[in-house]
Protein backbone atom coordinates (compact mmCIF):
# COMPACT_ATOMS: atom_id res chain seq x y z
CA MET A 1 0.00 0.00 0.00
CA GLY A 2 1.56 3.30 -1.07
CA ARG A 3 1.33 6.29 1.22
CA ASN A 4 1.93 9.95 0.57
CA PRO A 5 5.47 10.97 1.55
CA ARG A 6 3.97 13.92 3.44
CA LYS A 7 0.58 15.15 4.41
CA ILE A 8 -1.19 17.76 2.31
CA ASN A 9 -1.21 21.18 4.03
CA VAL A 10 -4.68 22.72 3.80
CA LEU A 11 -5.61 26.17 5.09
CA PHE A 12 -9.29 26.88 5.77
CA LEU A 13 -9.78 30.63 5.57
CA CYS A 14 -12.76 32.78 6.54
CA THR A 15 -13.37 36.20 7.98
CA GLY A 16 -13.30 35.68 11.76
CA ASN A 17 -11.78 32.22 12.18
CA ALA A 18 -14.46 31.73 14.81
CA CYS A 19 -16.78 29.06 13.43
CA ARG A 20 -16.67 27.65 9.89
CA SER A 21 -12.90 27.45 9.46
CA GLN A 22 -12.56 26.11 13.01
CA MET A 23 -15.11 23.40 12.25
CA ALA A 24 -13.32 22.53 9.01
CA GLU A 25 -9.99 22.27 10.80
CA GLY A 26 -11.55 20.11 13.52
CA TRP A 27 -13.34 17.78 11.09
CA THR A 28 -10.24 17.41 8.95
CA ARG A 29 -8.07 16.61 11.93
CA HIS A 30 -10.72 14.10 13.12
CA LEU A 31 -11.48 12.42 9.77
CA LYS A 32 -8.43 12.92 7.54
CA SER A 33 -5.38 13.33 9.79
CA ASP A 34 -3.63 10.47 8.01
CA GLN A 35 -3.60 12.47 4.75
CA ILE A 36 -4.07 16.14 5.61
CA GLU A 37 -2.49 18.62 8.02
CA PRO A 38 -5.28 21.19 8.53
CA PHE A 39 -4.87 24.82 9.50
CA SER A 40 -7.41 27.59 9.92
CA ALA A 41 -7.16 31.36 10.03
CA GLY A 42 -9.10 34.53 9.37
CA ILE A 43 -8.51 38.02 8.14
CA ALA A 44 -10.14 39.55 11.25
CA PRO A 45 -9.95 36.95 14.05
CA ALA A 46 -12.99 37.13 16.31
CA GLY A 47 -12.25 34.46 18.89
CA LEU A 48 -13.41 30.85 18.93
CA SER A 49 -17.22 30.53 18.89
CA GLN A 50 -18.45 28.66 21.94
CA ARG A 51 -21.47 27.51 19.96
CA ALA A 52 -19.13 25.96 17.40
CA VAL A 53 -17.27 24.22 20.23
CA GLU A 54 -20.59 22.90 21.59
CA VAL A 55 -21.97 21.52 18.34
CA MET A 56 -18.65 19.93 17.41
CA ALA A 57 -18.52 18.27 20.85
CA GLU A 58 -22.02 16.90 20.21
CA ALA A 59 -20.55 15.18 17.13
CA GLY A 60 -17.58 13.82 19.08
CA VAL A 61 -14.96 16.35 17.92
CA ASP A 62 -13.16 18.52 20.48
CA ILE A 63 -12.09 21.89 19.09
CA SER A 64 -11.97 23.62 22.47
CA ASN A 65 -8.16 23.90 22.36
CA GLN A 66 -8.11 25.53 18.92
CA ARG A 67 -7.63 29.28 18.81
CA SER A 68 -8.69 32.04 16.48
CA LYS A 69 -5.70 33.12 14.35
CA HIS A 70 -4.89 35.78 11.80
CA ILE A 71 -3.51 34.61 8.47
CA ASP A 72 -0.26 36.39 9.38
CA ASP A 73 0.09 34.01 12.36
CA LEU A 74 0.86 31.18 9.92
CA PRO A 75 3.94 32.39 8.02
CA ASP A 76 6.18 30.13 6.01
CA ILE A 77 3.78 27.17 5.85
CA PRO A 78 3.77 25.74 2.32
CA PHE A 79 0.03 25.33 1.83
CA ASP A 80 -0.97 22.96 -0.93
CA TYR A 81 -4.53 24.32 -0.85
CA VAL A 82 -6.21 27.39 0.58
CA VAL A 83 -9.96 26.89 0.94
CA THR A 84 -12.00 30.08 1.34
CA LEU A 85 -15.20 29.35 3.22
CA CYS A 86 -16.99 32.68 2.79
CA ASP A 87 -17.65 35.07 -0.07
CA TYR A 88 -16.16 38.06 1.76
CA VAL A 89 -12.74 36.44 2.02
CA ARG A 90 -12.99 35.21 -1.55
CA GLN A 91 -13.46 38.80 -2.73
CA LEU A 92 -10.45 39.96 -0.72
CA CYS A 93 -8.28 36.97 -1.60
CA HIS A 94 -9.22 36.27 -5.20
CA THR A 95 -5.61 35.28 -5.71
CA TRP A 96 -3.23 33.62 -3.27
CA PRO A 97 0.32 34.96 -3.07
CA GLY A 98 1.84 31.63 -2.10
CA PRO A 99 2.22 28.32 -3.90
CA GLY A 100 -1.10 26.88 -2.69
CA LYS A 101 -4.08 26.46 -4.98
CA LEU A 102 -7.03 28.65 -4.04
CA ILE A 103 -10.38 26.83 -3.82
CA HIS A 104 -13.70 28.48 -2.90
CA LYS A 105 -16.24 26.44 -0.91
CA PRO A 106 -18.68 28.81 0.82
CA PHE A 107 -20.81 27.92 3.82
CA ASP A 108 -23.43 30.12 5.47
CA ASP A 109 -22.28 31.70 8.73
CA PRO A 110 -24.62 30.48 11.49
CA SER A 111 -23.50 33.38 13.68
CA PHE A 112 -25.82 35.65 11.71
CA ILE A 113 -28.95 33.55 12.29
CA GLN A 114 -31.56 35.33 14.34
CA GLY A 115 -34.06 33.49 16.47
CA ASN A 116 -34.28 31.67 19.74
CA GLU A 117 -31.36 29.64 21.08
CA GLN A 118 -32.69 26.39 19.60
CA GLN A 119 -32.96 27.93 16.11
CA VAL A 120 -29.46 29.36 16.35
CA MET A 121 -27.99 26.07 17.58
CA ASN A 122 -29.77 24.21 14.78
CA ALA A 123 -28.14 26.57 12.28
CA PHE A 124 -24.74 25.77 13.81
CA ARG A 125 -25.51 22.05 13.58
CA MET A 126 -26.51 22.38 9.93
CA THR A 127 -23.27 24.19 9.11
CA ARG A 128 -21.30 21.59 11.09
CA ASP A 129 -22.91 18.75 9.14
CA ARG A 130 -22.41 20.42 5.75
CA ILE A 131 -18.75 21.03 6.53
CA ARG A 132 -18.33 17.40 7.60
CA THR A 133 -19.82 16.26 4.29
CA PHE A 134 -17.33 18.47 2.45
CA VAL A 135 -14.37 17.27 4.53
CA GLU A 136 -15.33 13.65 3.84
CA THR A 137 -14.62 14.34 0.13
CA LEU A 138 -11.05 15.53 0.82
CA PRO A 139 -8.46 15.44 -0.61
CA GLN A 140 -9.97 14.23 -3.89
CA SER A 141 -12.42 17.13 -4.22
CA LEU A 142 -9.53 19.59 -3.92
CA GLU A 143 -7.70 17.90 -6.77
CA ASP A 144 -10.90 17.89 -8.83
CA SER A 145 -11.40 21.61 -8.16
CA ARG A 146 -7.85 22.36 -9.17
CA GLN A 147 -8.23 20.51 -12.45
CA ASN A 148 -11.51 22.30 -13.19
CA GLU A 149 -9.79 25.67 -12.75
CA ALA A 150 -6.89 24.76 -15.06
């Protein structure tokens, strides 16, 4: 059985690095750590969302020790892929200055949902589950995206 000589470095990037990118990092570490080294960051770090921590814990993934980081906190990492998870960051980072391939995979931000606590938590769960479904396709979907952009 052949194995990759090194893991693929993937950066999940969104605005606040509070929820979606944290979930993506957590899911990737949980489901794909044999193939992928995940990182997450934002362009305006807002702190780790406690609701994101809660819903990930419900699914058996502990992200409580992750921290909200600015993209500048991750210098000199040779990313193979940079996955933008929101349209705002995609507009700001329509090109990536490093060697990594830029892929856009947007997810709705559950932090903006208005309603009672149950409705808000359900929105977080929906985002969590959609991100898990995406992460389950990695790394093949990243390669497919790269070939489609070529």
